[in-house]
Amino acid sequence: MTVHHEEICELIKNLKTGASSGIDDISPEHLNYRLSPGHPFPAPIDECIKATVWFLQHAKDYNVDPTRIAVVGDSAGGNLAAATAGLLTFDDRYRNMGLPKLKFQGLIDPALQALDFLTPSYQHGDIFLLTQDITTKFWSWYLTGDLRYAEAMKTNNHTCPQAHYITPVFAPLMRSDLRGLSPAYVLTAEFDVLRDDGILYAKRLEQAGVPVTWKNYESGFHGIFSLSVGKASFDVGRKCMNDFIEFYKVNL
């Protein structure tokens, strides 16, 4: 499993050691991939797919069942988890390696497209923590390593000779056919600019016949999943975490 943020690592630790978890054989793997702007696309996804393939191939060396491996990511990590699942499913370089299929892909507040920054969630969720202004800067950094497209993205007036933003490895929502992907857990929050990315992906997965569990939290905001423990925790954050734990127990 690839995860991001210390809080999510704590979740995996609790699943593994909690007396009431009912899970004794989880082996979490935390991937520290290179980040933009210093390392723009495709460096982060290249490292994620390389690490995932390696772990799938060597899982038994760590007493891990290779048929019970999932990828999970939060925010930008959700993008990379979805892109990794897509590469394993559709790219012949990996499809022909005889690798076991991922048990599921966990997409927490995922950033899945860089084409439309005027969706309803961008217009109405631009209030807390992650705003349209911040998001367009992150996408421009990931695309180019600088902010050359950040302002144009705000009005959907961005163009790029490479057009990475319409390729599914960069933006998984752009994939035309999702049939065959691993089952998905998609978490969205009502007051998150990325909410509609997750909703659209969940709906398209469902239409493609991919098993999908979609959870939307009406009082949530971007990053609420991480705010489930400690002094800064929220009730909705604990609800997010508990729901995922229950899914995890049944599906991994």
Protein backbone atom coordinates (compact mmCIF):
# COMPACT_ATOMS: atom_id res chain seq x y z
CA MET A 1 0.00 0.00 0.00
CA THR A 2 1.32 3.46 -0.82
CA VAL A 3 0.16 6.17 1.53
CA HIS A 4 0.80 9.86 2.17
CA HIS A 5 0.68 12.01 5.33
CA GLU A 6 1.67 10.98 8.83
CA GLU A 7 -1.96 10.81 9.92
CA ILE A 8 -2.77 8.14 7.34
CA CYS A 9 0.31 6.18 8.39
CA GLU A 10 -1.11 6.33 11.91
CA LEU A 11 -4.36 4.91 10.57
CA ILE A 12 -2.54 1.92 9.11
CA LYS A 13 -0.65 1.45 12.38
CA ASN A 14 -3.93 1.43 14.29
CA LEU A 15 -5.42 -1.09 11.88
CA LYS A 16 -2.46 -3.37 12.36
CA THR A 17 -2.21 -3.18 16.14
CA GLY A 18 -5.70 -2.26 17.35
CA ALA A 19 -7.17 -4.91 19.58
CA SER A 20 -10.58 -4.60 17.98
CA SER A 21 -9.47 -4.16 14.40
CA GLY A 22 -9.64 -7.84 13.48
CA ILE A 23 -6.66 -7.32 11.17
CA ASP A 24 -3.27 -8.82 12.00
CA ASP A 25 -1.46 -9.03 8.68
CA ILE A 26 -1.28 -5.52 7.18
CA SER A 27 2.08 -4.35 5.87
CA PRO A 28 1.95 -0.60 5.15
CA GLU A 29 4.54 0.87 2.80
CA HIS A 30 4.96 4.64 2.81
CA LEU A 31 6.32 6.01 -0.46
CA ASN A 32 8.25 9.28 -0.42
CA TYR A 33 8.23 10.31 -4.08
CA ARG A 34 9.96 13.36 -5.50
CA LEU A 35 7.76 16.46 -5.51
CA SER A 36 7.12 19.33 -7.89
CA PRO A 37 8.08 22.04 -8.60
CA GLY A 38 11.59 20.65 -8.29
CA HIS A 39 10.53 17.43 -9.98
CA PRO A 40 7.51 18.00 -12.26
CA PHE A 41 5.55 15.41 -14.25
CA PRO A 42 6.35 12.64 -14.97
CA ALA A 43 8.92 12.20 -12.16
CA PRO A 44 6.40 11.60 -9.32
CA ILE A 45 4.26 9.07 -11.19
CA ASP A 46 7.35 7.36 -12.60
CA GLU A 47 8.56 6.76 -9.06
CA CYS A 48 5.15 5.62 -7.85
CA ILE A 49 4.66 3.05 -10.61
CA LYS A 50 8.25 1.82 -10.26
CA ALA A 51 7.85 1.34 -6.50
CA THR A 52 4.45 -0.34 -6.85
CA VAL A 53 5.68 -2.77 -9.51
CA TRP A 54 8.70 -3.62 -7.40
CA PHE A 55 6.56 -4.29 -4.34
CA LEU A 56 4.10 -6.42 -6.30
CA GLN A 57 7.03 -8.48 -7.57
CA HIS A 58 8.71 -8.83 -4.16
CA ALA A 59 5.72 -8.91 -1.82
CA LYS A 60 6.31 -12.53 -0.83
CA ASP A 61 9.81 -11.60 0.36
CA TYR A 62 8.07 -9.56 3.05
CA ASN A 63 5.44 -12.20 3.83
CA VAL A 64 2.81 -10.13 2.01
CA ASP A 65 0.13 -11.75 -0.10
CA PRO A 66 0.61 -10.14 -3.55
CA THR A 67 -3.10 -10.53 -4.28
CA ARG A 68 -3.96 -8.31 -1.31
CA ILE A 69 -2.17 -5.08 -2.18
CA ALA A 70 -3.90 -1.72 -2.61
CA VAL A 71 -2.75 1.78 -3.48
CA VAL A 72 -4.12 4.71 -1.50
CA GLY A 73 -3.47 8.40 -1.88
CA ASP A 74 -4.75 11.70 -0.52
CA SER A 75 -5.17 14.84 -2.69
CA ALA A 76 -2.21 14.84 -5.10
CA GLY A 77 -1.51 11.34 -3.81
CA GLY A 78 -5.00 10.39 -4.97
CA ASN A 79 -4.00 11.47 -8.45
CA LEU A 80 -0.91 9.27 -8.29
CA ALA A 81 -2.82 6.29 -6.87
CA ALA A 82 -5.39 6.51 -9.69
CA ALA A 83 -2.68 6.99 -12.31
CA THR A 84 -0.75 4.01 -10.95
CA ALA A 85 -3.86 1.82 -11.08
CA GLY A 86 -4.45 2.98 -14.65
CA LEU A 87 -0.91 2.22 -15.79
CA LEU A 88 -1.02 -1.27 -14.26
CA THR A 89 -4.31 -1.95 -16.02
CA PHE A 90 -3.85 -0.40 -19.44
CA ASP A 91 -0.13 0.06 -20.18
CA ASP A 92 1.31 -2.97 -21.99
CA ARG A 93 4.67 -2.46 -20.27
CA TYR A 94 3.05 -3.50 -16.98
CA ARG A 95 0.08 -5.49 -18.19
CA ASN A 96 2.39 -8.01 -19.84
CA MET A 97 4.48 -8.53 -16.69
CA GLY A 98 2.01 -10.94 -15.14
CA LEU A 99 1.56 -8.82 -12.03
CA PRO A 100 -1.35 -9.49 -9.65
CA LYS A 101 -4.22 -7.03 -9.89
CA LEU A 102 -4.49 -4.40 -7.20
CA LYS A 103 -7.06 -5.25 -4.57
CA PHE A 104 -8.40 -1.69 -4.71
CA GLN A 105 -7.46 1.94 -5.27
CA GLY A 106 -8.24 4.33 -2.44
CA LEU A 107 -8.75 7.87 -3.67
CA ILE A 108 -9.06 10.40 -0.84
CA ASP A 109 -10.02 13.94 -1.94
CA PRO A 110 -8.31 13.14 -5.28
CA ALA A 111 -7.13 15.68 -7.84
CA LEU A 112 -8.03 13.98 -11.11
CA GLN A 113 -8.27 16.60 -13.87
CA ALA A 114 -6.56 19.85 -14.88
CA LEU A 115 -8.89 20.81 -17.72
CA ASP A 116 -11.81 22.54 -15.98
CA PHE A 117 -11.23 24.80 -12.99
CA LEU A 118 -14.75 26.27 -13.12
CA THR A 119 -16.75 23.23 -12.02
CA PRO A 120 -19.40 23.89 -9.34
CA SER A 121 -17.08 22.68 -6.60
CA TYR A 122 -14.38 25.11 -7.71
CA GLN A 123 -16.91 27.91 -7.65
CA HIS A 124 -18.57 27.02 -4.33
CA GLY A 125 -15.88 25.12 -2.43
CA ASP A 126 -13.26 27.85 -2.77
CA ILE A 127 -13.48 28.81 0.91
CA PHE A 128 -11.09 26.87 3.10
CA LEU A 129 -7.56 25.45 2.97
CA LEU A 130 -7.45 24.47 -0.71
CA THR A 131 -8.65 27.26 -3.01
CA GLN A 132 -8.80 27.59 -6.77
CA ASP A 133 -5.78 29.91 -6.63
CA ILE A 134 -3.70 27.39 -4.72
CA THR A 135 -4.88 24.44 -6.81
CA THR A 136 -4.01 26.04 -10.14
CA LYS A 137 -0.53 26.82 -8.81
CA PHE A 138 -0.08 23.19 -7.75
CA TRP A 139 -1.20 21.91 -11.16
CA SER A 140 1.06 24.36 -13.00
CA TRP A 141 4.00 23.32 -10.84
CA TYR A 142 3.26 19.66 -11.51
CA LEU A 143 2.92 20.29 -15.25
CA THR A 144 5.93 22.51 -15.84
CA GLY A 145 7.85 23.11 -12.61
CA ASP A 146 6.82 26.76 -12.63
CA LEU A 147 3.71 28.98 -12.55
CA ARG A 148 3.42 29.84 -16.23
CA TYR A 149 -0.13 28.41 -16.55
CA ALA A 150 -1.52 29.20 -13.10
CA GLU A 151 -3.40 32.40 -14.00
CA ALA A 152 -4.73 31.06 -17.30
CA MET A 153 -5.99 27.92 -15.57
CA LYS A 154 -8.31 29.98 -13.38
CA THR A 155 -10.40 30.84 -16.44
CA ASN A 156 -9.82 27.58 -18.36
CA ASN A 157 -7.72 29.53 -20.84
CA HIS A 158 -4.60 27.38 -20.54
CA THR A 159 -2.94 25.60 -23.42
CA CYS A 160 0.25 23.61 -23.56
CA PRO A 161 2.17 22.21 -26.54
CA GLN A 162 2.61 18.89 -24.72
CA ALA A 163 -1.06 18.85 -23.60
CA HIS A 164 -0.18 16.68 -20.62
CA TYR A 165 -3.32 17.89 -18.89
CA ILE A 166 -5.50 15.78 -21.19
CA THR A 167 -3.49 12.57 -20.80
CA PRO A 168 -4.75 10.02 -18.24
CA VAL A 169 -1.35 9.46 -16.66
CA PHE A 170 -1.28 13.15 -15.72
CA ALA A 171 -5.04 13.51 -15.15
CA PRO A 172 -6.77 10.12 -14.65
CA LEU A 173 -10.27 11.51 -15.26
CA MET A 174 -9.25 12.03 -18.90
CA ARG A 175 -9.06 8.29 -19.60
CA SER A 176 -11.75 7.44 -22.17
CA ASP A 177 -12.40 3.85 -21.08
CA LEU A 178 -12.20 2.81 -17.42
CA ARG A 179 -13.33 -0.79 -17.88
CA GLY A 180 -11.07 -3.28 -16.12
CA LEU A 181 -9.74 -0.97 -13.43
CA SER A 182 -9.35 -2.21 -9.88
CA PRO A 183 -12.25 -1.53 -7.49
CA ALA A 184 -12.19 1.95 -6.01
CA TYR A 185 -12.95 3.74 -2.77
CA VAL A 186 -13.56 7.43 -3.52
CA LEU A 187 -13.89 9.99 -0.74
CA THR A 188 -15.11 13.52 -1.45
CA ALA A 189 -15.99 16.48 0.76
CA GLU A 190 -18.78 18.99 0.09
CA PHE A 191 -16.63 22.10 0.62
CA ASP A 192 -13.62 20.96 -1.37
CA VAL A 193 -12.70 22.38 -4.77
CA LEU A 194 -11.76 18.84 -5.82
CA ARG A 195 -15.15 17.38 -4.89
CA ASP A 196 -16.44 17.19 -8.47
CA ASP A 197 -13.26 15.47 -9.67
CA GLY A 198 -14.00 12.60 -7.32
CA ILE A 199 -17.73 12.53 -8.06
CA LEU A 200 -17.20 12.45 -11.82
CA TYR A 201 -14.62 9.67 -11.51
CA ALA A 202 -16.83 7.61 -9.22
CA LYS A 203 -19.77 7.94 -11.61
CA ARG A 204 -17.65 7.01 -14.62
CA LEU A 205 -16.21 4.00 -12.79
CA GLU A 206 -19.72 2.88 -11.97
CA GLN A 207 -20.81 3.29 -15.60
CA ALA A 208 -17.79 1.23 -16.69
CA GLY A 209 -18.80 -1.63 -14.42
CA VAL A 210 -15.96 -1.08 -11.94
CA PRO A 211 -16.97 -1.74 -8.32
CA VAL A 212 -16.84 1.63 -6.56
CA THR A 213 -17.66 2.83 -3.08
CA TRP A 214 -18.22 6.59 -3.01
CA LYS A 215 -18.48 8.55 0.21
CA ASN A 216 -19.29 12.27 0.22
CA TYR A 217 -19.19 14.19 3.51
CA GLU A 218 -21.58 17.12 3.48
CA SER A 219 -19.82 19.10 6.22
CA GLY A 220 -16.32 18.15 5.08
CA PHE A 221 -13.56 20.15 3.44
CA HIS A 222 -10.26 19.34 1.77
CA GLY A 223 -7.97 17.39 4.06
CA ILE A 224 -10.69 16.41 6.51
CA PHE A 225 -9.62 12.75 6.32
CA SER A 226 -6.34 13.67 8.02
CA LEU A 227 -8.12 15.59 10.78
CA SER A 228 -9.45 12.52 12.53
CA VAL A 229 -7.00 12.25 15.41
CA GLY A 230 -5.43 14.66 17.87
CA LYS A 231 -6.43 18.07 19.19
CA ALA A 232 -7.35 19.41 15.73
CA SER A 233 -9.69 16.55 14.90
CA PHE A 234 -13.28 16.96 13.72
CA ASP A 235 -16.29 14.68 14.06
CA VAL A 236 -16.59 14.47 10.29
CA GLY A 237 -12.89 13.59 10.08
CA ARG A 238 -13.38 10.71 12.49
CA LYS A 239 -16.39 9.61 10.45
CA CYS A 240 -14.27 9.62 7.27
CA MET A 241 -11.59 7.56 8.95
CA ASN A 242 -13.97 5.05 10.51
CA ASP A 243 -15.80 4.52 7.22
CA PHE A 244 -12.53 3.83 5.45
CA ILE A 245 -11.42 1.45 8.19
CA GLU A 246 -14.61 -0.55 7.76
CA PHE A 247 -14.12 -0.67 3.99
CA TYR A 248 -10.49 -1.68 4.51
CA LYS A 249 -11.41 -4.57 6.81
CA VAL A 250 -13.84 -6.04 4.30
CA ASN A 251 -11.98 -5.39 1.05
CA LEU A 252 -8.33 -6.06 1.81
